[in-house]
PDB file of N, CA and C in Angstrom:
ATOM      1  N   MET A   1      61.536  63.905 113.462  1.00  0.00           N
ATOM      2  CA  MET A   1      62.693  63.930 114.334  1.00  0.00           C
ATOM      3  C   MET A   1      62.504  62.874 115.421  1.00  0.00           C
ATOM      4  N   LYS A   2      63.477  61.943 115.492  1.00  0.00           N
ATOM      5  CA  LYS A   2      63.434  60.873 116.482  1.00  0.00           C
ATOM      6  C   LYS A   2      64.721  60.890 117.282  1.00  0.00           C
ATOM      7  N   SER A   3      64.704  60.266 118.447  1.00  0.00           N
ATOM      8  CA  SER A   3      65.900  60.290 119.288  1.00  0.00           C
ATOM      9  C   SER A   3      67.099  59.690 118.575  1.00  0.00           C
ATOM     10  N   LYS A   4      66.886  58.733 117.662  1.00  0.00           N
ATOM     11  CA  LYS A   4      68.005  58.124 116.945  1.00  0.00           C
ATOM     12  C   LYS A   4      68.707  59.115 116.008  1.00  0.00           C
ATOM     13  N   ASP A   5      68.121  60.265 115.820  1.00  0.00           N
ATOM     14  CA  ASP A   5      68.730  61.295 114.977  1.00  0.00           C
ATOM     15  C   ASP A   5      69.812  62.082 115.715  1.00  0.00           C
ATOM     16  N   PHE A   6      70.069  61.715 116.975  1.00  0.00           N
ATOM     17  CA  PHE A   6      71.008  62.468 117.801  1.00  0.00           C
ATOM     18  C   PHE A   6      72.053  61.554 118.409  1.00  0.00           C
ATOM     19  N   VAL A   7      73.217  62.135 118.696  1.00  0.00           N
ATOM     20  CA  VAL A   7      74.310  61.381 119.299  1.00  0.00           C
ATOM     21  C   VAL A   7      75.007  62.213 120.367  1.00  0.00           C
ATOM     22  N   LEU A   8      75.680  61.507 121.252  1.00  0.00           N
ATOM     23  CA  LEU A   8      76.630  62.119 122.164  1.00  0.00           C
ATOM     24  C   LEU A   8      78.007  61.812 121.603  1.00  0.00           C
ATOM     25  N   ALA A   9      78.871  62.794 121.578  1.00  0.00           N
ATOM     26  CA  ALA A   9      80.248  62.595 121.145  1.00  0.00           C
ATOM     27  C   ALA A   9      81.139  62.770 122.366  1.00  0.00           C
ATOM     28  N   TYR A  10      82.037  61.818 122.589  1.00  0.00           N
ATOM     29  CA  TYR A  10      82.965  61.869 123.711  1.00  0.00           C
ATOM     30  C   TYR A  10      84.354  62.089 123.148  1.00  0.00           C
ATOM     31  N   CYS A  11      85.053  63.104 123.679  1.00  0.00           N
ATOM     32  CA  CYS A  11      86.391  63.428 123.188  1.00  0.00           C
ATOM     33  C   CYS A  11      87.231  63.894 124.376  1.00  0.00           C
ATOM     34  N   THR A  12      88.515  63.555 124.363  1.00  0.00           N
ATOM     35  CA  THR A  12      89.413  64.014 125.425  1.00  0.00           C
ATOM     36  C   THR A  12      90.407  65.024 124.872  1.00  0.00           C
ATOM     37  N   PHE A  13      90.876  65.898 125.787  1.00  0.00           N
ATOM     38  CA  PHE A  13      91.790  66.976 125.433  1.00  0.00           C
ATOM     39  C   PHE A  13      92.898  67.057 126.474  1.00  0.00           C
ATOM     40  N   PRO A  14      94.028  67.680 126.135  1.00  0.00           N
ATOM     41  CA  PRO A  14      95.155  67.716 127.062  1.00  0.00           C
ATOM     42  C   PRO A  14      94.939  68.599 128.292  1.00  0.00           C
ATOM     43  N   ASN A  15      94.060  69.596 128.187  1.00  0.00           N
ATOM     44  CA  ASN A  15      93.821  70.478 129.339  1.00  0.00           C
ATOM     45  C   ASN A  15      92.515  71.250 129.145  1.00  0.00           C
ATOM     46  N   ASP A  16      92.126  71.980 130.182  1.00  0.00           N
ATOM     47  CA  ASP A  16      90.862  72.710 130.172  1.00  0.00           C
ATOM     48  C   ASP A  16      90.836  73.818 129.119  1.00  0.00           C
ATOM     49  N   ASP A  17      91.949  74.516 128.940  1.00  0.00           N
ATOM     50  CA  ASP A  17      91.980  75.603 127.950  1.00  0.00           C
ATOM     51  C   ASP A  17      91.700  75.092 126.544  1.00  0.00           C
ATOM     52  N   VAL A  18      92.351  74.010 126.160  1.00  0.00           N
ATOM     53  CA  VAL A  18      92.147  73.442 124.817  1.00  0.00           C
ATOM     54  C   VAL A  18      90.732  72.909 124.687  1.00  0.00           C
ATOM     55  N   ALA A  19      90.235  72.243 125.730  1.00  0.00           N
ATOM     56  CA  ALA A  19      88.868  71.710 125.694  1.00  0.00           C
ATOM     57  C   ALA A  19      87.849  72.842 125.558  1.00  0.00           C
ATOM     58  N   THR A  20      88.051  73.921 126.291  1.00  0.00           N
ATOM     59  CA  THR A  20      87.121  75.057 126.243  1.00  0.00           C
ATOM     60  C   THR A  20      87.167  75.750 124.895  1.00  0.00           C
ATOM     61  N   ARG A  21      88.369  76.043 124.404  1.00  0.00           N
ATOM     62  CA  ARG A  21      88.504  76.713 123.092  1.00  0.00           C
ATOM     63  C   ARG A  21      87.880  75.877 121.980  1.00  0.00           C
ATOM     64  N   THR A  22      88.159  74.590 121.992  1.00  0.00           N
ATOM     65  CA  THR A  22      87.616  73.703 120.959  1.00  0.00           C
ATOM     66  C   THR A  22      86.102  73.615 121.069  1.00  0.00           C
ATOM     67  N   SER A  23      85.595  73.487 122.279  1.00  0.00           N
ATOM     68  CA  SER A  23      84.143  73.402 122.483  1.00  0.00           C
ATOM     69  C   SER A  23      83.454  74.672 122.009  1.00  0.00           C
ATOM     70  N   GLU A  24      84.019  75.828 122.350  1.00  0.00           N
ATOM     71  CA  GLU A  24      83.439  77.094 121.894  1.00  0.00           C
ATOM     72  C   GLU A  24      83.415  77.177 120.376  1.00  0.00           C
ATOM     73  N   GLN A  25      84.491  76.735 119.752  1.00  0.00           N
ATOM     74  CA  GLN A  25      84.573  76.768 118.292  1.00  0.00           C
ATOM     75  C   GLN A  25      83.530  75.851 117.657  1.00  0.00           C
ATOM     76  N   LEU A  26      83.383  74.649 118.198  1.00  0.00           N
ATOM     77  CA  LEU A  26      82.424  73.691 117.632  1.00  0.00           C
ATOM     78  C   LEU A  26      80.983  74.157 117.812  1.00  0.00           C
ATOM     79  N   VAL A  27      80.680  74.778 118.952  1.00  0.00           N
ATOM     80  CA  VAL A  27      79.335  75.324 119.165  1.00  0.00           C
ATOM     81  C   VAL A  27      79.106  76.501 118.223  1.00  0.00           C
ATOM     82  N   ALA A  28      80.085  77.393 118.113  1.00  0.00           N
ATOM     83  CA  ALA A  28      79.950  78.566 117.237  1.00  0.00           C
ATOM     84  C   ALA A  28      79.757  78.161 115.780  1.00  0.00           C
ATOM     85  N   GLU A  29      80.402  77.079 115.373  1.00  0.00           N
ATOM     86  CA  GLU A  29      80.295  76.596 113.990  1.00  0.00           C
ATOM     87  C   GLU A  29      79.028  75.779 113.747  1.00  0.00           C
ATOM     88  N   GLY A  30      78.258  75.507 114.800  1.00  0.00           N
ATOM     89  CA  GLY A  30      77.023  74.748 114.649  1.00  0.00           C
ATOM     90  C   GLY A  30      77.218  73.259 114.517  1.00  0.00           C
ATOM     91  N   LEU A  31      78.412  72.770 114.821  1.00  0.00           N
ATOM     92  CA  LEU A  31      78.653  71.328 114.730  1.00  0.00           C
ATOM     93  C   LEU A  31      78.127  70.581 115.946  1.00  0.00           C
ATOM     94  N   VAL A  32      78.060  71.257 117.091  1.00  0.00           N
ATOM     95  CA  VAL A  32      77.473  70.662 118.290  1.00  0.00           C
ATOM     96  C   VAL A  32      76.554  71.685 118.940  1.00  0.00           C
ATOM     97  N   ALA A  33      75.539  71.184 119.627  1.00  0.00           N
ATOM     98  CA  ALA A  33      74.609  72.076 120.323  1.00  0.00           C
ATOM     99  C   ALA A  33      75.162  72.498 121.672  1.00  0.00           C
ATOM    100  N   CYS A  34      75.892  71.600 122.298  1.00  0.00           N
ATOM    101  CA  CYS A  34      76.347  71.823 123.664  1.00  0.00           C
ATOM    102  C   CYS A  34      77.561  70.954 123.929  1.00  0.00           C
ATOM    103  N   ALA A  35      78.466  71.435 124.758  1.00  0.00           N
ATOM    104  CA  ALA A  35      79.624  70.651 125.176  1.00  0.00           C
ATOM    105  C   ALA A  35      79.750  70.745 126.688  1.00  0.00           C
ATOM    106  N   ASN A  36      79.774  69.608 127.349  1.00  0.00           N
ATOM    107  CA  ASN A  36      79.979  69.555 128.797  1.00  0.00           C
ATOM    108  C   ASN A  36      81.431  69.167 129.047  1.00  0.00           C
ATOM    109  N   ILE A  37      82.154  70.048 129.726  1.00  0.00           N
ATOM    110  CA  ILE A  37      83.575  69.852 129.975  1.00  0.00           C
ATOM    111  C   ILE A  37      83.749  69.350 131.400  1.00  0.00           C
ATOM    112  N   PHE A  38      84.369  68.185 131.523  1.00  0.00           N
ATOM    113  CA  PHE A  38      84.579  67.566 132.823  1.00  0.00           C
ATOM    114  C   PHE A  38      86.004  67.845 133.295  1.00  0.00           C
ATOM    115  N   PRO A  39      86.195  67.968 134.595  1.00  0.00           N
ATOM    116  CA  PRO A  39      87.515  68.320 135.120  1.00  0.00           C
ATOM    117  C   PRO A  39      88.581  67.283 134.775  1.00  0.00           C
ATOM    118  N   ALA A  40      89.806  67.715 134.940  1.00  0.00           N
ATOM    119  CA  ALA A  40      90.943  66.850 134.625  1.00  0.00           C
ATOM    120  C   ALA A  40      90.847  65.520 135.371  1.00  0.00           C
ATOM    121  N   HIS A  41      91.240  64.478 134.692  1.00  0.00           N
ATOM    122  CA  HIS A  41      91.280  63.133 135.256  1.00  0.00           C
ATOM    123  C   HIS A  41      92.538  62.452 134.721  1.00  0.00           C
ATOM    124  N   LYS A  42      92.912  61.373 135.303  1.00  0.00           N
ATOM    125  CA  LYS A  42      94.094  60.646 134.854  1.00  0.00           C
ATOM    126  C   LYS A  42      93.695  59.602 133.826  1.00  0.00           C
ATOM    127  N   ALA A  43      94.443  59.559 132.739  1.00  0.00           N
ATOM    128  CA  ALA A  43      94.246  58.545 131.704  1.00  0.00           C
ATOM    129  C   ALA A  43      95.472  57.632 131.696  1.00  0.00           C
ATOM    130  N   VAL A  44      95.223  56.349 131.673  1.00  0.00           N
ATOM    131  CA  VAL A  44      96.294  55.359 131.574  1.00  0.00           C
ATOM    132  C   VAL A  44      96.057  54.588 130.289  1.00  0.00           C
ATOM    133  N   TYR A  45      97.052  54.572 129.418  1.00  0.00           N
ATOM    134  CA  TYR A  45      96.892  53.924 128.121  1.00  0.00           C
ATOM    135  C   TYR A  45      98.258  53.563 127.547  1.00  0.00           C
ATOM    136  N   ARG A  46      98.236  52.740 126.523  1.00  0.00           N
ATOM    137  CA  ARG A  46      99.461  52.371 125.833  1.00  0.00           C
ATOM    138  C   ARG A  46      99.533  53.175 124.534  1.00  0.00           C
ATOM    139  N   TRP A  47     100.668  53.810 124.295  1.00  0.00           N
ATOM    140  CA  TRP A  47     100.896  54.575 123.065  1.00  0.00           C
ATOM    141  C   TRP A  47     102.315  54.301 122.601  1.00  0.00           C
ATOM    142  N   GLN A  48     102.440  53.886 121.350  1.00  0.00           N
ATOM    143  CA  GLN A  48     103.734  53.554 120.751  1.00  0.00           C
ATOM    144  C   GLN A  48     104.516  52.604 121.664  1.00  0.00           C
ATOM    145  N   ASN A  49     103.785  51.589 122.115  1.00  0.00           N
ATOM    146  CA  ASN A  49     104.329  50.496 122.924  1.00  0.00           C
ATOM    147  C   ASN A  49     104.863  50.944 124.294  1.00  0.00           C
ATOM    148  N   GLN A  50     104.428  52.083 124.770  1.00  0.00           N
ATOM    149  CA  GLN A  50     104.824  52.593 126.077  1.00  0.00           C
ATOM    150  C   GLN A  50     103.570  52.852 126.921  1.00  0.00           C
ATOM    151  N   LEU A  51     103.628  52.481 128.185  1.00  0.00           N
ATOM    152  CA  LEU A  51     102.531  52.770 129.094  1.00  0.00           C
ATOM    153  C   LEU A  51     102.570  54.256 129.448  1.00  0.00           C
ATOM    154  N   GLN A  52     101.451  54.941 129.275  1.00  0.00           N
ATOM    155  CA  GLN A  52     101.362  56.375 129.506  1.00  0.00           C
ATOM    156  C   GLN A  52     100.429  56.678 130.678  1.00  0.00           C
ATOM    157  N   HIS A  53     100.742  57.728 131.409  1.00  0.00           N
ATOM    158  CA  HIS A  53      99.893  58.269 132.476  1.00  0.00           C
ATOM    159  C   HIS A  53      99.811  59.769 132.205  1.00  0.00           C
ATOM    160  N   GLU A  54      98.651  60.229 131.827  1.00  0.00           N
ATOM    161  CA  GLU A  54      98.484  61.643 131.477  1.00  0.00           C
ATOM    162  C   GLU A  54      97.241  62.218 132.134  1.00  0.00           C
ATOM    163  N   SER A  55      97.268  63.508 132.343  1.00  0.00           N
ATOM    164  CA  SER A  55      96.087  64.228 132.784  1.00  0.00           C
ATOM    165  C   SER A  55      95.335  64.669 131.527  1.00  0.00           C
ATOM    166  N   GLU A  56      94.041  64.427 131.492  1.00  0.00           N
ATOM    167  CA  GLU A  56      93.217  64.820 130.353  1.00  0.00           C
ATOM    168  C   GLU A  56      91.909  65.417 130.852  1.00  0.00           C
ATOM    169  N   VAL A  57      91.240  66.132 129.958  1.00  0.00           N
ATOM    170  CA  VAL A  57      89.921  66.694 130.219  1.00  0.00           C
ATOM    171  C   VAL A  57      88.958  66.050 129.231  1.00  0.00           C
ATOM    172  N   ALA A  58      87.837  65.556 129.727  1.00  0.00           N
ATOM    173  CA  ALA A  58      86.844  64.912 128.862  1.00  0.00           C
ATOM    174  C   ALA A  58      85.736  65.895 128.521  1.00  0.00           C
ATOM    175  N   VAL A  59      85.260  65.796 127.290  1.00  0.00           N
ATOM    176  CA  VAL A  59      84.150  66.628 126.832  1.00  0.00           C
ATOM    177  C   VAL A  59      83.085  65.713 126.234  1.00  0.00           C
ATOM    178  N   VAL A  60      81.835  65.915 126.650  1.00  0.00           N
ATOM    179  CA  VAL A  60      80.693  65.224 126.064  1.00  0.00           C
ATOM    180  C   VAL A  60      79.896  66.263 125.294  1.00  0.00           C
ATOM    181  N   MET A  61      79.721  65.998 124.002  1.00  0.00           N
ATOM    182  CA  MET A  61      79.024  66.941 123.120  1.00  0.00           C
ATOM    183  C   MET A  61      77.725  66.326 122.626  1.00  0.00           C
ATOM    184  N   LYS A  62      76.706  67.155 122.498  1.00  0.00           N
ATOM    185  CA  LYS A  62      75.413  66.709 121.974  1.00  0.00           C
ATOM    186  C   LYS A  62      75.254  67.294 120.581  1.00  0.00           C
ATOM    187  N   THR A  63      74.860  66.436 119.628  1.00  0.00           N
ATOM    188  CA  THR A  63      74.713  66.918 118.264  1.00  0.00           C
ATOM    189  C   THR A  63      73.765  66.025 117.476  1.00  0.00           C
ATOM    190  N   ALA A  64      73.411  66.491 116.290  1.00  0.00           N
ATOM    191  CA  ALA A  64      72.606  65.703 115.359  1.00  0.00           C
ATOM    192  C   ALA A  64      73.490  64.616 114.747  1.00  0.00           C
ATOM    193  N   ALA A  65      72.935  63.422 114.554  1.00  0.00           N
ATOM    194  CA  ALA A  65      73.689  62.320 113.957  1.00  0.00           C
ATOM    195  C   ALA A  65      74.213  62.709 112.578  1.00  0.00           C
ATOM    196  N   SER A  66      73.511  63.570 111.893  1.00  0.00           N
ATOM    197  CA  SER A  66      73.935  64.006 110.558  1.00  0.00           C
ATOM    198  C   SER A  66      75.228  64.819 110.596  1.00  0.00           C
ATOM    199  N   LYS A  67      75.662  65.256 111.765  1.00  0.00           N
ATOM    200  CA  LYS A  67      76.883  66.064 111.913  1.00  0.00           C
ATOM    201  C   LYS A  67      78.122  65.220 112.225  1.00  0.00           C
ATOM    202  N   LYS A  68      77.967  63.901 112.366  1.00  0.00           N
ATOM    203  CA  LYS A  68      79.094  63.059 112.764  1.00  0.00           C
ATOM    204  C   LYS A  68      80.293  63.188 111.829  1.00  0.00           C
ATOM    205  N   ALA A  69      80.094  63.073 110.555  1.00  0.00           N
ATOM    206  CA  ALA A  69      81.217  63.127 109.599  1.00  0.00           C
ATOM    207  C   ALA A  69      81.914  64.482 109.660  1.00  0.00           C
ATOM    208  N   ALA A  70      81.141  65.552 109.696  1.00  0.00           N
ATOM    209  CA  ALA A  70      81.731  66.892 109.758  1.00  0.00           C
ATOM    210  C   ALA A  70      82.463  67.112 111.072  1.00  0.00           C
ATOM    211  N   LEU A  71      81.925  66.580 112.171  1.00  0.00           N
ATOM    212  CA  LEU A  71      82.574  66.721 113.468  1.00  0.00           C
ATOM    213  C   LEU A  71      83.891  65.938 113.498  1.00  0.00           C
ATOM    214  N   LYS A  72      83.900  64.740 112.940  1.00  0.00           N
ATOM    215  CA  LYS A  72      85.144  63.957 112.852  1.00  0.00           C
ATOM    216  C   LYS A  72      86.213  64.738 112.087  1.00  0.00           C
ATOM    217  N   GLU A  73      85.829  65.274 110.951  1.00  0.00           N
ATOM    218  CA  GLU A  73      86.761  66.027 110.108  1.00  0.00           C
ATOM    219  C   GLU A  73      87.307  67.257 110.841  1.00  0.00           C
ATOM    220  N   ARG A  74      86.431  67.946 111.535  1.00  0.00           N
ATOM    221  CA  ARG A  74      86.846  69.176 112.238  1.00  0.00           C
ATOM    222  C   ARG A  74      87.761  68.859 113.418  1.00  0.00           C
ATOM    223  N   ILE A  75      87.421  67.821 114.176  1.00  0.00           N
ATOM    224  CA  ILE A  75      88.273  67.418 115.302  1.00  0.00           C
ATOM    225  C   ILE A  75      89.662  67.044 114.787  1.00  0.00           C
ATOM    226  N   LEU A  76      89.744  66.295 113.710  1.00  0.00           N
ATOM    227  CA  LEU A  76      91.050  65.935 113.146  1.00  0.00           C
ATOM    228  C   LEU A  76      91.842  67.166 112.723  1.00  0.00           C
ATOM    229  N   ALA A  77      91.152  68.190 112.267  1.00  0.00           N
ATOM    230  CA  ALA A  77      91.825  69.407 111.797  1.00  0.00           C
ATOM    231  C   ALA A  77      92.331  70.290 112.933  1.00  0.00           C
ATOM    232  N   ILE A  78      91.631  70.333 114.068  1.00  0.00           N
ATOM    233  CA  ILE A  78      91.982  71.304 115.104  1.00  0.00           C
ATOM    234  C   ILE A  78      92.504  70.697 116.400  1.00  0.00           C
ATOM    235  N   HIS A  79      92.385  69.403 116.569  1.00  0.00           N
ATOM    236  CA  HIS A  79      92.792  68.767 117.826  1.00  0.00           C
ATOM    237  C   HIS A  79      94.311  68.638 117.895  1.00  0.00           C
ATOM    238  N   PRO A  80      94.906  68.885 119.071  1.00  0.00           N
ATOM    239  CA  PRO A  80      96.368  68.807 119.181  1.00  0.00           C
ATOM    240  C   PRO A  80      96.927  67.379 119.193  1.00  0.00           C
ATOM    241  N   TYR A  81      96.105  66.381 119.483  1.00  0.00           N
ATOM    242  CA  TYR A  81      96.598  65.002 119.512  1.00  0.00           C
ATOM    243  C   TYR A  81      96.754  64.454 118.099  1.00  0.00           C
ATOM    244  N   GLN A  82      97.735  63.613 117.911  1.00  0.00           N
ATOM    245  CA  GLN A  82      97.938  62.935 116.623  1.00  0.00           C
ATOM    246  C   GLN A  82      96.744  62.029 116.308  1.00  0.00           C
ATOM    247  N   THR A  83      96.254  61.337 117.333  1.00  0.00           N
ATOM    248  CA  THR A  83      95.098  60.462 117.193  1.00  0.00           C
ATOM    249  C   THR A  83      94.099  60.801 118.295  1.00  0.00           C
ATOM    250  N   PRO A  84      93.214  61.769 118.054  1.00  0.00           N
ATOM    251  CA  PRO A  84      92.253  62.159 119.097  1.00  0.00           C
ATOM    252  C   PRO A  84      91.307  61.015 119.459  1.00  0.00           C
ATOM    253  N   ALA A  85      90.929  60.973 120.722  1.00  0.00           N
ATOM    254  CA  ALA A  85      89.905  60.029 121.172  1.00  0.00           C
ATOM    255  C   ALA A  85      88.551  60.672 120.896  1.00  0.00           C
ATOM    256  N   LEU A  86      87.846  60.154 119.927  1.00  0.00           N
ATOM    257  CA  LEU A  86      86.510  60.660 119.601  1.00  0.00           C
ATOM    258  C   LEU A  86      85.631  59.467 119.292  1.00  0.00           C
ATOM    259  N   VAL A  87      84.579  59.289 120.084  1.00  0.00           N
ATOM    260  CA  VAL A  87      83.621  58.213 119.854  1.00  0.00           C
ATOM    261  C   VAL A  87      82.208  58.784 119.971  1.00  0.00           C
ATOM    262  N   PHE A  88      81.276  58.081 119.345  1.00  0.00           N
ATOM    263  CA  PHE A  88      79.881  58.512 119.343  1.00  0.00           C
ATOM    264  C   PHE A  88      79.002  57.459 119.997  1.00  0.00           C
ATOM    265  N   VAL A  89      77.990  57.929 120.719  1.00  0.00           N
ATOM    266  CA  VAL A  89      77.001  57.062 121.345  1.00  0.00           C
ATOM    267  C   VAL A  89      75.634  57.542 120.891  1.00  0.00           C
ATOM    268  N   LYS A  90      74.836  56.629 120.346  1.00  0.00           N
ATOM    269  CA  LYS A  90      73.494  56.993 119.906  1.00  0.00           C
ATOM    270  C   LYS A  90      72.631  57.338 121.106  1.00  0.00           C
ATOM    271  N   ILE A  91      71.809  58.351 120.948  1.00  0.00           N
ATOM    272  CA  ILE A  91      70.838  58.702 121.984  1.00  0.00           C
ATOM    273  C   ILE A  91      69.603  57.859 121.726  1.00  0.00           C
ATOM    274  N   ASP A  92      69.269  57.016 122.680  1.00  0.00           N
ATOM    275  CA  ASP A  92      68.162  56.084 122.540  1.00  0.00           C
ATOM    276  C   ASP A  92      66.818  56.752 122.804  1.00  0.00           C
ATOM    277  N   ASP A  93      66.818  57.734 123.688  1.00  0.00           N
ATOM    278  CA  ASP A  93      65.570  58.385 124.056  1.00  0.00           C
ATOM    279  C   ASP A  93      65.904  59.708 124.735  1.00  0.00           C
ATOM    280  N   GLY A  94      64.930  60.554 124.875  1.00  0.00           N
ATOM    281  CA  GLY A  94      65.134  61.832 125.550  1.00  0.00           C
ATOM    282  C   GLY A  94      63.861  62.649 125.541  1.00  0.00           C
ATOM    283  N   LEU A  95      63.891  63.719 126.288  1.00  0.00           N
ATOM    284  CA  LEU A  95      62.727  64.608 126.312  1.00  0.00           C
ATOM    285  C   LEU A  95      62.605  65.306 124.962  1.00  0.00           C
ATOM    286  N   PRO A  96      61.422  65.306 124.369  1.00  0.00           N
ATOM    287  CA  PRO A  96      61.236  65.890 123.050  1.00  0.00           C
ATOM    288  C   PRO A  96      61.717  67.340 122.946  1.00  0.00           C
ATOM    289  N   GLY A  97      61.468  68.140 123.962  1.00  0.00           N
ATOM    290  CA  GLY A  97      61.895  69.536 123.925  1.00  0.00           C
ATOM    291  C   GLY A  97      63.407  69.672 123.876  1.00  0.00           C
ATOM    292  N   PHE A  98      64.114  68.814 124.615  1.00  0.00           N
ATOM    293  CA  PHE A  98      65.568  68.857 124.613  1.00  0.00           C
ATOM    294  C   PHE A  98      66.113  68.388 123.271  1.00  0.00           C
ATOM    295  N   LEU A  99      65.540  67.332 122.718  1.00  0.00           N
ATOM    296  CA  LEU A  99      65.980  66.850 121.407  1.00  0.00           C
ATOM    297  C   LEU A  99      65.729  67.910 120.339  1.00  0.00           C
ATOM    298  N   GLN A 100      64.618  68.615 120.431  1.00  0.00           N
ATOM    299  CA  GLN A 100      64.320  69.703 119.499  1.00  0.00           C
ATOM    300  C   GLN A 100      65.377  70.802 119.624  1.00  0.00           C
ATOM    301  N   TRP A 101      65.777  71.104 120.847  1.00  0.00           N
ATOM    302  CA  TRP A 101      66.817  72.122 121.066  1.00  0.00           C
ATOM    303  C   TRP A 101      68.138  71.693 120.433  1.00  0.00           C
ATOM    304  N   ILE A 102      68.528  70.426 120.614  1.00  0.00           N
ATOM    305  CA  ILE A 102      69.756  69.937 119.965  1.00  0.00           C
ATOM    306  C   ILE A 102      69.645  70.126 118.462  1.00  0.00           C
ATOM    307  N   TYR A 103      68.494  69.769 117.913  1.00  0.00           N
ATOM    308  CA  TYR A 103      68.281  69.881 116.465  1.00  0.00           C
ATOM    309  C   TYR A 103      68.434  71.319 115.988  1.00  0.00           C
ATOM    310  N   THR A 104      67.848  72.259 116.716  1.00  0.00           N
ATOM    311  CA  THR A 104      67.917  73.667 116.264  1.00  0.00           C
ATOM    312  C   THR A 104      69.291  74.267 116.453  1.00  0.00           C
ATOM    313  N   GLN A 105      70.075  73.752 117.407  1.00  0.00           N
ATOM    314  CA  GLN A 105      71.402  74.320 117.667  1.00  0.00           C
ATOM    315  C   GLN A 105      72.500  73.711 116.823  1.00  0.00           C
ATOM    316  N   SER A 106      72.336  72.477 116.386  1.00  0.00           N
ATOM    317  CA  SER A 106      73.370  71.856 115.545  1.00  0.00           C
ATOM    318  C   SER A 106      72.875  71.920 114.098  1.00  0.00           C
ATOM    319  N   PHE A 107      72.896  73.120 113.580  1.00  0.00           N
ATOM    320  CA  PHE A 107      72.348  73.415 112.256  1.00  0.00           C
ATOM    321  C   PHE A 107      73.268  73.015 111.143  1.00  0.00           C
TER     322      PHE A 107
END
């Protein structure tokens, strides 16, 4: 087990309730070890050629790199957005005990 075996997944949601429900579901299903839900923030972006200003909630999830495909599939199935924002960042390093915990929780 090496740090490269783990990733952080960043995803945004329309509100805290949806972010919490989705995070609980993903943890319960073993797709992520942990989800950190950040308070609402303003997102400015272009969608269908229109400038948008929306309130969103960001979630950072920790999981095994081997779960990326399954997590993508699950987010597409349960997320309310037509095109969810979901990106992955490789974990370059970390405390061995914490990485072991991620491994045991994202079964």
